[in-house]
N, C-alpha and C. Protein backbone atom coordinates (compact mmCIF):
# COMPACT_ATOMS: atom_id res chain seq x y z
N MET A 1 -35.64 -43.32 231.22
CA MET A 1 -36.96 -42.45 230.08
C MET A 1 -35.76 -42.12 229.08
N ILE A 2 -34.28 -42.05 229.22
CA ILE A 2 -32.95 -41.52 228.08
C ILE A 2 -32.69 -42.68 227.17
N LEU A 3 -33.16 -44.30 227.96
CA LEU A 3 -32.86 -45.31 227.30
C LEU A 3 -33.85 -45.62 226.66
N ILE A 4 -35.64 -44.98 226.56
CA ILE A 4 -35.82 -44.64 225.76
C ILE A 4 -36.36 -44.60 224.62
N VAL A 5 -35.60 -43.41 224.67
CA VAL A 5 -35.64 -42.03 223.79
C VAL A 5 -34.36 -42.83 222.88
N ILE A 6 -33.18 -43.12 223.39
CA ILE A 6 -32.52 -43.73 222.55
C ILE A 6 -33.01 -44.99 221.66
N ALA A 7 -33.42 -45.49 222.34
CA ALA A 7 -34.25 -46.80 221.57
C ALA A 7 -34.92 -45.85 220.31
N ILE A 8 -35.75 -45.33 221.26
CA ILE A 8 -36.77 -44.89 219.77
C ILE A 8 -36.00 -44.24 218.26
N PHE A 9 -34.69 -43.56 219.14
CA PHE A 9 -34.29 -42.62 217.76
C PHE A 9 -33.08 -44.23 216.87
N PHE A 10 -32.79 -45.23 217.91
CA PHE A 10 -32.44 -46.45 217.09
C PHE A 10 -33.18 -47.11 216.18
N LEU A 11 -34.31 -47.10 216.77
CA LEU A 11 -35.36 -47.84 215.83
C LEU A 11 -35.91 -46.99 214.50
N LEU A 12 -35.93 -45.79 214.69
CA LEU A 12 -36.42 -45.00 213.23
C LEU A 12 -35.48 -44.56 212.52
N ASN A 13 -34.20 -44.67 213.29
CA ASN A 13 -32.75 -44.65 212.06
C ASN A 13 -32.98 -45.98 211.61
N VAL A 14 -32.70 -47.71 211.71
CA VAL A 14 -32.68 -48.39 211.34
C VAL A 14 -33.30 -48.79 210.24
N PHE A 15 -35.17 -48.33 210.49
CA PHE A 15 -35.57 -48.83 209.84
C PHE A 15 -36.62 -47.85 208.59
N ASP A 16 -35.44 -46.96 208.53
CA ASP A 16 -35.67 -45.94 207.76
C ASP A 16 -35.57 -46.73 205.99
N ASP A 17 -36.69 -46.16 205.79
CA ASP A 17 -36.10 -46.69 203.95
C ASP A 17 -35.29 -45.62 203.44
N HIS A 18 -35.12 -44.20 203.58
CA HIS A 18 -35.21 -42.97 202.78
C HIS A 18 -33.44 -43.42 201.48
N ILE A 19 -33.65 -43.24 200.72
CA ILE A 19 -32.36 -44.10 200.02
C ILE A 19 -32.32 -42.41 199.34
N ASP A 20 -30.81 -41.76 199.66
CA ASP A 20 -30.37 -40.67 198.35
C ASP A 20 -30.61 -40.77 196.90
N PRO A 21 -30.76 -40.19 195.91
CA PRO A 21 -30.92 -40.61 194.41
C PRO A 21 -29.49 -40.15 194.18
N ILE A 22 -29.29 -40.97 192.92
CA ILE A 22 -28.02 -40.24 192.21
C ILE A 22 -28.36 -39.32 191.46
N ILE A 23 -27.89 -38.08 191.74
CA ILE A 23 -28.20 -37.05 190.75
C ILE A 23 -27.19 -37.25 189.92
N ILE A 24 -27.81 -37.31 188.20
CA ILE A 24 -27.54 -37.01 186.79
C ILE A 24 -28.00 -35.44 186.21
N ASP A 25 -26.86 -34.86 186.10
CA ASP A 25 -27.07 -33.32 185.40
C ASP A 25 -26.97 -33.46 184.23
N VAL A 26 -27.39 -33.32 183.42
CA VAL A 26 -27.51 -32.88 182.14
C VAL A 26 -27.80 -31.72 181.20
N ASN A 27 -27.26 -30.77 179.96
CA ASN A 27 -27.69 -29.83 179.37
C ASN A 27 -28.43 -30.08 178.08
N ALA A 28 -28.69 -29.44 177.06
CA ALA A 28 -28.86 -29.62 175.84
C ALA A 28 -27.48 -29.84 175.02
N TRP A 29 -26.73 -30.38 175.73
CA TRP A 29 -25.58 -31.02 174.53
C TRP A 29 -26.48 -31.74 173.86
N PRO A 30 -25.88 -32.06 172.71
CA PRO A 30 -26.47 -33.19 171.91
C PRO A 30 -26.02 -35.11 172.17
N SER A 31 -27.18 -35.51 172.65
CA SER A 31 -26.91 -36.93 172.84
C SER A 31 -27.00 -37.27 174.45
N TYR A 32 -27.81 -35.89 175.26
CA TYR A 32 -28.22 -35.58 176.65
C TYR A 32 -29.40 -36.90 176.32
N GLU A 33 -30.30 -36.49 175.29
CA GLU A 33 -31.11 -37.18 175.98
C GLU A 33 -31.55 -38.90 175.90
N VAL A 34 -30.05 -39.47 176.01
CA VAL A 34 -29.95 -40.97 176.22
C VAL A 34 -30.37 -41.64 177.52
N TRP A 35 -30.13 -39.37 178.32
CA TRP A 35 -29.93 -40.42 180.28
C TRP A 35 -31.37 -40.53 180.47
N TYR A 36 -32.45 -39.69 179.63
CA TYR A 36 -33.77 -40.10 179.61
C TYR A 36 -34.53 -41.09 178.94
N ILE A 37 -33.99 -41.77 178.22
CA ILE A 37 -34.07 -42.79 177.56
C ILE A 37 -33.55 -43.75 178.59
N ALA A 38 -32.89 -44.15 178.64
CA ALA A 38 -32.06 -45.13 179.82
C ALA A 38 -33.09 -45.11 181.55
N GLU A 39 -33.31 -44.37 181.27
CA GLU A 39 -34.13 -44.38 182.42
C GLU A 39 -35.66 -44.95 182.07
N GLY A 40 -36.09 -44.26 181.28
CA GLY A 40 -37.61 -44.93 181.04
C GLY A 40 -37.44 -46.13 180.71
N GLN A 41 -36.30 -46.78 180.16
CA GLN A 41 -36.06 -47.87 179.39
C GLN A 41 -36.03 -48.66 180.51
N GLY A 42 -35.88 -48.31 181.81
CA GLY A 42 -34.91 -48.68 183.00
C GLY A 42 -34.08 -49.86 183.02
N TYR A 43 -33.03 -49.02 182.17
CA TYR A 43 -31.90 -49.69 182.48
C TYR A 43 -30.89 -49.16 183.98
N PHE A 44 -31.16 -48.21 184.62
CA PHE A 44 -30.78 -48.28 186.28
C PHE A 44 -30.93 -48.91 187.54
N GLY A 45 -32.28 -50.04 186.63
CA GLY A 45 -32.60 -51.25 187.59
C GLY A 45 -33.57 -50.72 188.69
N ASP A 46 -32.79 -50.67 190.07
CA ASP A 46 -33.74 -50.78 191.35
C ASP A 46 -33.03 -49.57 191.84
N THR A 47 -31.82 -48.71 190.76
CA THR A 47 -31.43 -47.58 191.38
C THR A 47 -32.00 -46.32 191.80
N PHE A 48 -31.85 -45.31 192.63
CA PHE A 48 -32.77 -44.57 192.24
C PHE A 48 -31.96 -43.43 192.02
N ILE A 49 -32.54 -42.76 190.90
CA ILE A 49 -32.06 -42.08 189.96
C ILE A 49 -32.88 -40.93 190.16
N GLU A 50 -31.77 -39.41 189.82
CA GLU A 50 -33.17 -38.27 189.23
C GLU A 50 -32.43 -37.37 188.08
N ILE A 51 -32.69 -37.18 187.75
CA ILE A 51 -32.11 -36.36 186.46
C ILE A 51 -32.48 -34.51 186.51
N ALA A 52 -31.54 -34.07 186.72
CA ALA A 52 -31.45 -32.98 186.74
C ALA A 52 -31.31 -32.03 186.02
N CYS A 53 -31.65 -31.00 184.74
CA CYS A 53 -31.19 -30.49 183.57
C CYS A 53 -31.37 -28.67 183.55
N PHE A 54 -29.99 -28.44 183.86
CA PHE A 54 -29.42 -27.30 183.88
C PHE A 54 -29.24 -26.71 182.31
N SER A 55 -29.38 -25.34 182.23
CA SER A 55 -29.83 -24.44 181.43
C SER A 55 -28.40 -23.81 180.74
N LYS A 56 -26.91 -24.11 181.38
CA LYS A 56 -26.10 -23.51 181.42
C LYS A 56 -24.61 -24.50 181.74
N TRP A 57 -23.65 -24.14 181.17
CA TRP A 57 -22.33 -25.06 181.49
C TRP A 57 -21.81 -24.92 182.88
N LYS A 58 -22.10 -23.61 183.25
CA LYS A 58 -20.91 -23.24 184.08
C LYS A 58 -21.63 -24.00 185.83
N VAL A 59 -23.37 -23.90 185.42
CA VAL A 59 -23.86 -24.50 186.79
C VAL A 59 -24.02 -25.89 187.26
N ASN A 60 -23.68 -26.46 185.42
CA ASN A 60 -23.35 -28.01 185.94
C ASN A 60 -22.12 -28.53 186.60
N VAL A 61 -21.13 -27.27 186.15
CA VAL A 61 -19.87 -27.56 187.28
C VAL A 61 -19.83 -27.43 187.96
N SER A 62 -20.42 -26.17 188.51
CA SER A 62 -20.10 -25.44 189.66
C SER A 62 -21.04 -26.60 190.70
N SER A 63 -22.19 -26.82 190.56
CA SER A 63 -22.92 -28.55 190.98
C SER A 63 -22.45 -29.53 191.23
N LEU A 64 -21.40 -29.32 190.12
CA LEU A 64 -20.32 -30.97 190.35
C LEU A 64 -19.61 -30.32 191.47
N TYR A 65 -18.89 -29.26 191.76
CA TYR A 65 -18.02 -28.64 192.52
C TYR A 65 -18.60 -29.00 193.81
N LYS A 66 -19.67 -28.62 194.44
CA LYS A 66 -20.32 -28.64 195.62
C LYS A 66 -20.98 -29.54 195.76
N ASP A 67 -20.77 -30.68 195.16
CA ASP A 67 -21.01 -31.99 195.43
C ASP A 67 -22.63 -32.43 195.57
N ASN A 68 -23.35 -30.98 194.55
CA ASN A 68 -24.67 -31.00 194.41
C ASN A 68 -25.43 -32.67 193.70
N ILE A 69 -24.21 -32.93 192.71
CA ILE A 69 -24.99 -33.79 191.68
C ILE A 69 -23.66 -34.38 191.86
N ASP A 70 -23.83 -36.11 191.50
CA ASP A 70 -23.05 -37.22 191.66
C ASP A 70 -22.32 -37.20 189.90
N ILE A 71 -22.98 -37.17 188.90
CA ILE A 71 -22.74 -37.20 187.60
C ILE A 71 -22.85 -36.24 186.54
N THR A 72 -22.34 -35.90 185.89
CA THR A 72 -22.45 -34.57 185.21
C THR A 72 -22.41 -35.04 183.39
N HIS A 73 -22.86 -35.04 182.14
CA HIS A 73 -23.21 -35.18 181.11
C HIS A 73 -22.21 -34.31 180.66
N SER A 74 -21.16 -34.25 180.02
CA SER A 74 -20.63 -32.93 178.72
C SER A 74 -20.14 -33.77 177.94
N THR A 75 -19.58 -32.50 176.66
CA THR A 75 -19.30 -33.12 175.61
C THR A 75 -17.68 -33.60 175.51
N TYR A 76 -16.87 -34.19 174.66
CA TYR A 76 -16.00 -35.09 175.40
C TYR A 76 -15.27 -34.07 174.94
N PHE A 77 -14.87 -32.78 174.44
CA PHE A 77 -14.00 -31.74 174.66
C PHE A 77 -14.06 -31.50 175.94
N MET A 78 -15.18 -31.08 176.15
CA MET A 78 -14.70 -30.01 177.70
C MET A 78 -14.50 -31.15 178.71
N SER A 79 -14.91 -32.78 178.98
CA SER A 79 -14.32 -33.69 178.94
C SER A 79 -12.79 -33.52 178.96
N LEU A 80 -11.90 -33.46 178.02
CA LEU A 80 -10.76 -34.23 178.06
C LEU A 80 -10.40 -32.30 178.85
N TYR A 81 -10.32 -31.78 178.33
CA TYR A 81 -10.30 -30.12 179.02
C TYR A 81 -9.91 -30.11 180.34
N TYR A 82 -11.13 -30.92 181.56
CA TYR A 82 -10.84 -30.39 182.73
C TYR A 82 -9.62 -31.56 183.28
N ALA A 83 -10.17 -32.78 182.51
CA ALA A 83 -8.68 -33.92 182.80
C ALA A 83 -7.68 -33.41 182.46
N ASN A 84 -7.17 -32.33 181.56
CA ASN A 84 -6.24 -31.78 180.87
C ASN A 84 -6.16 -31.01 182.25
N LYS A 85 -6.37 -30.61 183.08
CA LYS A 85 -6.59 -29.41 184.65
C LYS A 85 -5.89 -30.41 185.91
N GLY A 86 -6.45 -32.07 185.69
CA GLY A 86 -6.10 -32.75 186.61
C GLY A 86 -7.42 -33.43 187.22
N GLU A 87 -8.28 -32.77 186.67
CA GLU A 87 -9.62 -33.13 187.24
C GLU A 87 -9.93 -34.83 187.47
N SER A 88 -10.15 -35.30 188.90
CA SER A 88 -10.30 -36.64 189.14
C SER A 88 -11.61 -36.86 188.18
N ALA A 89 -11.48 -38.12 187.42
CA ALA A 89 -12.81 -38.06 186.69
C ALA A 89 -13.47 -39.79 185.71
N GLU A 90 -14.48 -40.03 185.34
CA GLU A 90 -13.92 -41.12 184.48
C GLU A 90 -15.39 -41.52 184.02
N SER A 91 -14.46 -42.02 182.71
CA SER A 91 -16.41 -41.54 181.55
C SER A 91 -16.74 -42.70 181.70
N ILE A 92 -17.68 -42.88 181.27
CA ILE A 92 -18.91 -43.92 181.84
C ILE A 92 -19.99 -44.06 180.79
N LEU A 93 -19.68 -43.34 179.62
CA LEU A 93 -20.69 -43.54 178.76
C LEU A 93 -20.21 -43.02 177.89
N ILE A 94 -19.55 -42.95 176.29
CA ILE A 94 -19.30 -42.18 175.71
C ILE A 94 -20.28 -42.25 174.61
N SER A 95 -20.90 -41.67 173.49
CA SER A 95 -21.83 -41.46 172.52
C SER A 95 -21.52 -40.25 171.48
N SER A 96 -21.73 -40.92 170.04
CA SER A 96 -21.02 -39.84 169.38
C SER A 96 -21.97 -39.57 168.21
N TYR A 97 -21.88 -37.78 168.02
CA TYR A 97 -22.91 -37.15 167.25
C TYR A 97 -22.00 -37.06 166.31
N ILE A 98 -22.14 -37.89 165.28
CA ILE A 98 -21.87 -37.47 163.86
C ILE A 98 -22.99 -37.71 162.46
N LEU A 99 -22.61 -36.53 161.76
CA LEU A 99 -23.56 -35.53 160.68
C LEU A 99 -23.41 -36.62 159.56
N GLY A 100 -22.00 -37.40 159.29
CA GLY A 100 -21.35 -37.80 158.57
C GLY A 100 -20.75 -37.60 157.67
N ALA A 101 -20.03 -36.47 157.39
CA ALA A 101 -19.57 -35.53 156.85
C ALA A 101 -18.19 -34.89 156.90
N ASP A 102 -18.26 -34.98 158.87
CA ASP A 102 -17.17 -34.86 159.66
C ASP A 102 -15.97 -34.84 159.35
N GLY A 103 -15.09 -33.87 158.73
CA GLY A 103 -13.33 -34.73 159.32
C GLY A 103 -13.11 -33.82 157.78
N LEU A 104 -11.16 -34.34 157.96
CA LEU A 104 -10.55 -33.55 157.05
C LEU A 104 -10.75 -33.26 156.16
N VAL A 105 -11.06 -32.07 155.05
CA VAL A 105 -11.14 -32.31 153.69
C VAL A 105 -9.80 -31.45 153.02
N VAL A 106 -9.64 -32.57 152.24
CA VAL A 106 -8.04 -32.03 151.73
C VAL A 106 -7.86 -31.87 149.96
N ASP A 107 -7.41 -31.07 149.61
CA ASP A 107 -7.32 -30.45 148.00
C ASP A 107 -6.68 -31.88 147.74
N LYS A 108 -7.43 -32.18 145.98
CA LYS A 108 -7.09 -33.85 145.50
C LYS A 108 -5.62 -32.99 145.23
N GLU A 109 -4.84 -32.17 144.95
CA GLU A 109 -3.83 -32.43 144.25
C GLU A 109 -2.48 -32.80 145.89
N LEU A 110 -2.86 -32.76 146.85
CA LEU A 110 -1.65 -33.17 148.45
C LEU A 110 -1.89 -34.67 148.17
N GLU A 111 -0.98 -35.26 147.90
CA GLU A 111 -1.25 -36.42 148.24
C GLU A 111 -0.63 -37.30 148.63
N SER A 112 0.18 -36.11 149.79
CA SER A 112 1.00 -37.54 150.68
C SER A 112 1.02 -36.24 152.27
N PRO A 113 1.23 -36.82 153.36
CA PRO A 113 1.22 -36.12 154.49
C PRO A 113 2.33 -35.07 154.48
N GLY A 114 3.42 -35.33 154.00
CA GLY A 114 4.25 -34.28 153.76
C GLY A 114 4.33 -33.49 153.22
N GLU A 115 3.31 -32.95 152.39
CA GLU A 115 2.29 -32.18 151.63
C GLU A 115 1.87 -30.94 152.55
N PHE A 116 1.39 -31.16 153.74
CA PHE A 116 0.76 -30.51 154.12
C PHE A 116 1.65 -29.27 154.35
N ASN A 117 2.36 -29.50 155.26
CA ASN A 117 3.74 -28.82 155.03
C ASN A 117 3.41 -27.06 154.51
N GLY A 118 2.55 -26.08 155.15
CA GLY A 118 2.65 -24.79 154.87
C GLY A 118 1.36 -24.62 154.72
N ALA A 119 0.48 -25.84 154.38
CA ALA A 119 -0.56 -25.68 153.44
C ALA A 119 -1.59 -24.86 154.90
N GLU A 120 -2.14 -24.00 154.44
CA GLU A 120 -3.28 -23.43 154.70
C GLU A 120 -4.72 -23.88 155.61
N ILE A 121 -5.34 -24.05 156.48
CA ILE A 121 -6.08 -25.25 156.84
C ILE A 121 -7.55 -23.81 157.21
N ALA A 122 -8.21 -24.58 157.02
CA ALA A 122 -9.45 -23.98 157.36
C ALA A 122 -10.04 -24.35 158.46
N VAL A 123 -10.27 -23.45 160.13
CA VAL A 123 -10.92 -24.50 161.13
C VAL A 123 -11.54 -22.96 161.81
N GLU A 124 -12.48 -23.17 162.48
CA GLU A 124 -12.75 -22.15 163.50
C GLU A 124 -12.01 -22.18 165.28
N ILE A 125 -11.26 -21.51 165.26
CA ILE A 125 -10.08 -22.37 166.23
C ILE A 125 -11.21 -22.21 168.36
N ASN A 126 -10.27 -23.06 168.89
CA ASN A 126 -10.72 -23.09 170.74
C ASN A 126 -12.08 -23.39 170.36
N THR A 127 -12.36 -24.84 169.62
CA THR A 127 -13.74 -25.92 169.03
C THR A 127 -13.07 -26.71 169.17
N ASP A 128 -14.12 -27.10 169.21
CA ASP A 128 -14.39 -28.69 169.25
C ASP A 128 -13.85 -29.60 167.78
N GLU A 129 -13.47 -29.02 166.90
CA GLU A 129 -13.48 -28.46 165.65
C GLU A 129 -11.88 -28.38 165.49
N ASN A 130 -11.01 -27.17 165.65
CA ASN A 130 -9.71 -27.33 166.26
C ASN A 130 -9.10 -28.70 167.11
N PHE A 131 -9.83 -28.93 167.94
CA PHE A 131 -9.10 -30.34 168.73
C PHE A 131 -8.79 -31.12 168.05
N LEU A 132 -10.04 -31.77 167.69
CA LEU A 132 -10.07 -32.60 166.13
C LEU A 132 -9.15 -33.03 165.11
N LEU A 133 -9.15 -31.62 164.85
CA LEU A 133 -8.20 -31.06 163.36
C LEU A 133 -6.91 -31.48 163.93
N CYS A 134 -6.56 -30.73 164.86
CA CYS A 134 -4.94 -30.77 165.75
C CYS A 134 -4.80 -32.93 166.06
N LYS A 135 -5.65 -33.22 166.75
CA LYS A 135 -5.42 -34.79 166.64
C LYS A 135 -5.12 -35.72 165.19
N ALA A 136 -6.35 -35.12 164.38
CA ALA A 136 -5.46 -35.99 162.78
C ALA A 136 -3.90 -35.34 162.18
N LEU A 137 -3.95 -33.92 162.78
CA LEU A 137 -2.80 -33.27 161.64
C LEU A 137 -1.71 -34.68 162.59
N HIS A 138 -1.94 -34.90 163.86
CA HIS A 138 -0.95 -35.41 164.92
C HIS A 138 -1.15 -36.59 164.72
N ASN A 139 -2.07 -37.65 164.09
CA ASN A 139 -2.28 -38.72 163.67
C ASN A 139 -0.75 -39.14 162.63
N LEU A 140 -1.36 -37.79 161.78
CA LEU A 140 -0.79 -38.25 160.54
C LEU A 140 0.78 -37.50 160.40
N GLY A 141 1.25 -37.22 162.15
CA GLY A 141 3.45 -36.95 161.83
C GLY A 141 2.90 -35.43 161.77
N ILE A 142 2.03 -34.87 161.10
CA ILE A 142 2.29 -33.47 161.43
C ILE A 142 2.54 -32.37 162.53
N GLU A 143 3.99 -31.44 162.82
CA GLU A 143 3.09 -30.46 163.69
C GLU A 143 2.15 -29.93 163.37
N ASP A 144 1.86 -28.99 164.73
CA ASP A 144 1.02 -27.72 164.42
C ASP A 144 1.42 -26.36 164.07
N LYS A 145 2.71 -26.62 163.90
CA LYS A 145 3.93 -24.97 163.29
C LYS A 145 3.64 -25.58 162.09
N ASN A 146 3.91 -26.67 161.60
CA ASN A 146 3.67 -26.44 160.40
C ASN A 146 2.56 -26.03 158.85
N VAL A 147 1.77 -25.72 160.03
CA VAL A 147 0.50 -25.47 158.92
C VAL A 147 0.47 -24.30 159.67
N TYR A 148 -0.42 -23.34 158.37
CA TYR A 148 -1.08 -22.01 158.73
C TYR A 148 -2.69 -22.30 158.56
N ILE A 149 -3.32 -21.82 159.75
CA ILE A 149 -4.09 -21.55 160.59
C ILE A 149 -5.15 -20.84 159.55
N VAL A 150 -6.37 -21.39 159.15
CA VAL A 150 -7.18 -19.48 158.35
C VAL A 150 -8.76 -20.27 159.67
N SER A 151 -8.62 -18.95 160.87
CA SER A 151 -9.86 -19.55 162.02
C SER A 151 -10.77 -18.40 161.07
N THR A 152 -11.88 -19.53 160.81
CA THR A 152 -13.09 -19.17 160.33
C THR A 152 -14.35 -19.91 161.00
N THR A 153 -15.39 -19.70 160.61
CA THR A 153 -16.83 -21.01 160.98
C THR A 153 -16.57 -21.85 159.79
N SER A 154 -17.28 -23.61 160.07
CA SER A 154 -17.31 -23.85 159.16
C SER A 154 -18.02 -24.08 157.92
N GLU A 155 -18.94 -23.16 158.48
CA GLU A 155 -19.84 -22.79 157.25
C GLU A 155 -18.49 -21.74 156.21
N LYS A 156 -18.26 -20.89 156.63
CA LYS A 156 -16.84 -20.14 155.41
C LYS A 156 -16.07 -21.04 155.34
N ALA A 157 -15.31 -21.50 156.05
CA ALA A 157 -14.44 -22.48 155.88
C ALA A 157 -14.84 -23.03 154.23
N ALA A 158 -15.79 -24.06 154.45
CA ALA A 158 -16.37 -24.90 152.79
C ALA A 158 -15.75 -24.07 151.53
N GLU A 159 -16.35 -22.34 152.05
CA GLU A 159 -17.17 -21.29 151.36
C GLU A 159 -15.91 -21.11 150.38
N ILE A 160 -14.43 -21.41 151.18
CA ILE A 160 -12.85 -20.75 150.85
C ILE A 160 -12.52 -21.90 150.35
N PHE A 161 -12.72 -22.73 150.83
CA PHE A 161 -12.34 -24.13 150.34
C PHE A 161 -12.60 -24.06 148.75
N TYR A 162 -13.23 -23.95 148.71
CA TYR A 162 -14.35 -24.24 147.40
C TYR A 162 -13.67 -23.48 146.11
N ARG A 163 -13.29 -21.90 146.95
CA ARG A 163 -13.08 -20.79 145.87
C ARG A 163 -11.09 -20.69 145.59
N ARG A 164 -10.75 -21.85 146.56
CA ARG A 164 -9.63 -22.48 146.91
C ARG A 164 -8.50 -20.99 146.87
N HIS A 165 -8.99 -20.91 148.38
CA HIS A 165 -8.11 -19.61 148.59
C HIS A 165 -7.58 -20.76 150.31
N CYS A 166 -7.43 -21.90 150.12
CA CYS A 166 -7.29 -22.63 151.28
C CYS A 166 -6.83 -24.43 150.94
N ARG A 167 -6.04 -24.48 151.30
CA ARG A 167 -5.95 -26.20 150.64
C ARG A 167 -6.77 -27.29 151.49
N CYS A 168 -7.13 -27.10 152.62
CA CYS A 168 -7.89 -28.10 153.07
C CYS A 168 -8.67 -26.99 154.42
N LEU A 169 -10.06 -28.41 154.48
CA LEU A 169 -10.89 -27.59 155.95
C LEU A 169 -11.05 -28.27 157.22
N PHE A 170 -11.43 -28.05 157.87
CA PHE A 170 -11.42 -29.33 158.99
C PHE A 170 -13.53 -28.71 158.96
N TYR A 171 -14.19 -29.80 158.77
CA TYR A 171 -15.80 -29.12 159.02
C TYR A 171 -16.38 -30.49 159.63
N LEU A 172 -16.72 -29.88 160.81
CA LEU A 172 -18.27 -30.58 161.25
C LEU A 172 -19.75 -30.60 161.02
């Protein structure tokens, strides 16, 4: 009798076609639609994919830590934030959401990177814009401590620059 039960259990498990999906979580950040497009266009092939949409980033992260999802969709800035904290992850898809006017806008009288020292730069601190500004300054060989940051929104930064109350702005 026990052998029959073991044999039935073995046969049921051998012929079980149940495959757990790879769960990808997304939220309403720009470019999240690419996952739905990839699924609709058949890019995942025979791989069983399930896309879960969360309304808050906190839910995405907690679901990832609880092993409820396999892949999370994140902004580049958030990915770097967690990577710098030592989190183990791999970027498998990177997309760019650029409006064409993004970047460092500089007063035409500043002719070389050396002239940035002491310059006022309008940017909203603790945002993607601030991070990208720091990268731009670093690439120009300018240390953050050598410029004066005016913290404001992108819209206000443009107005401040137009009125010549700052010499540069970083605009997204």
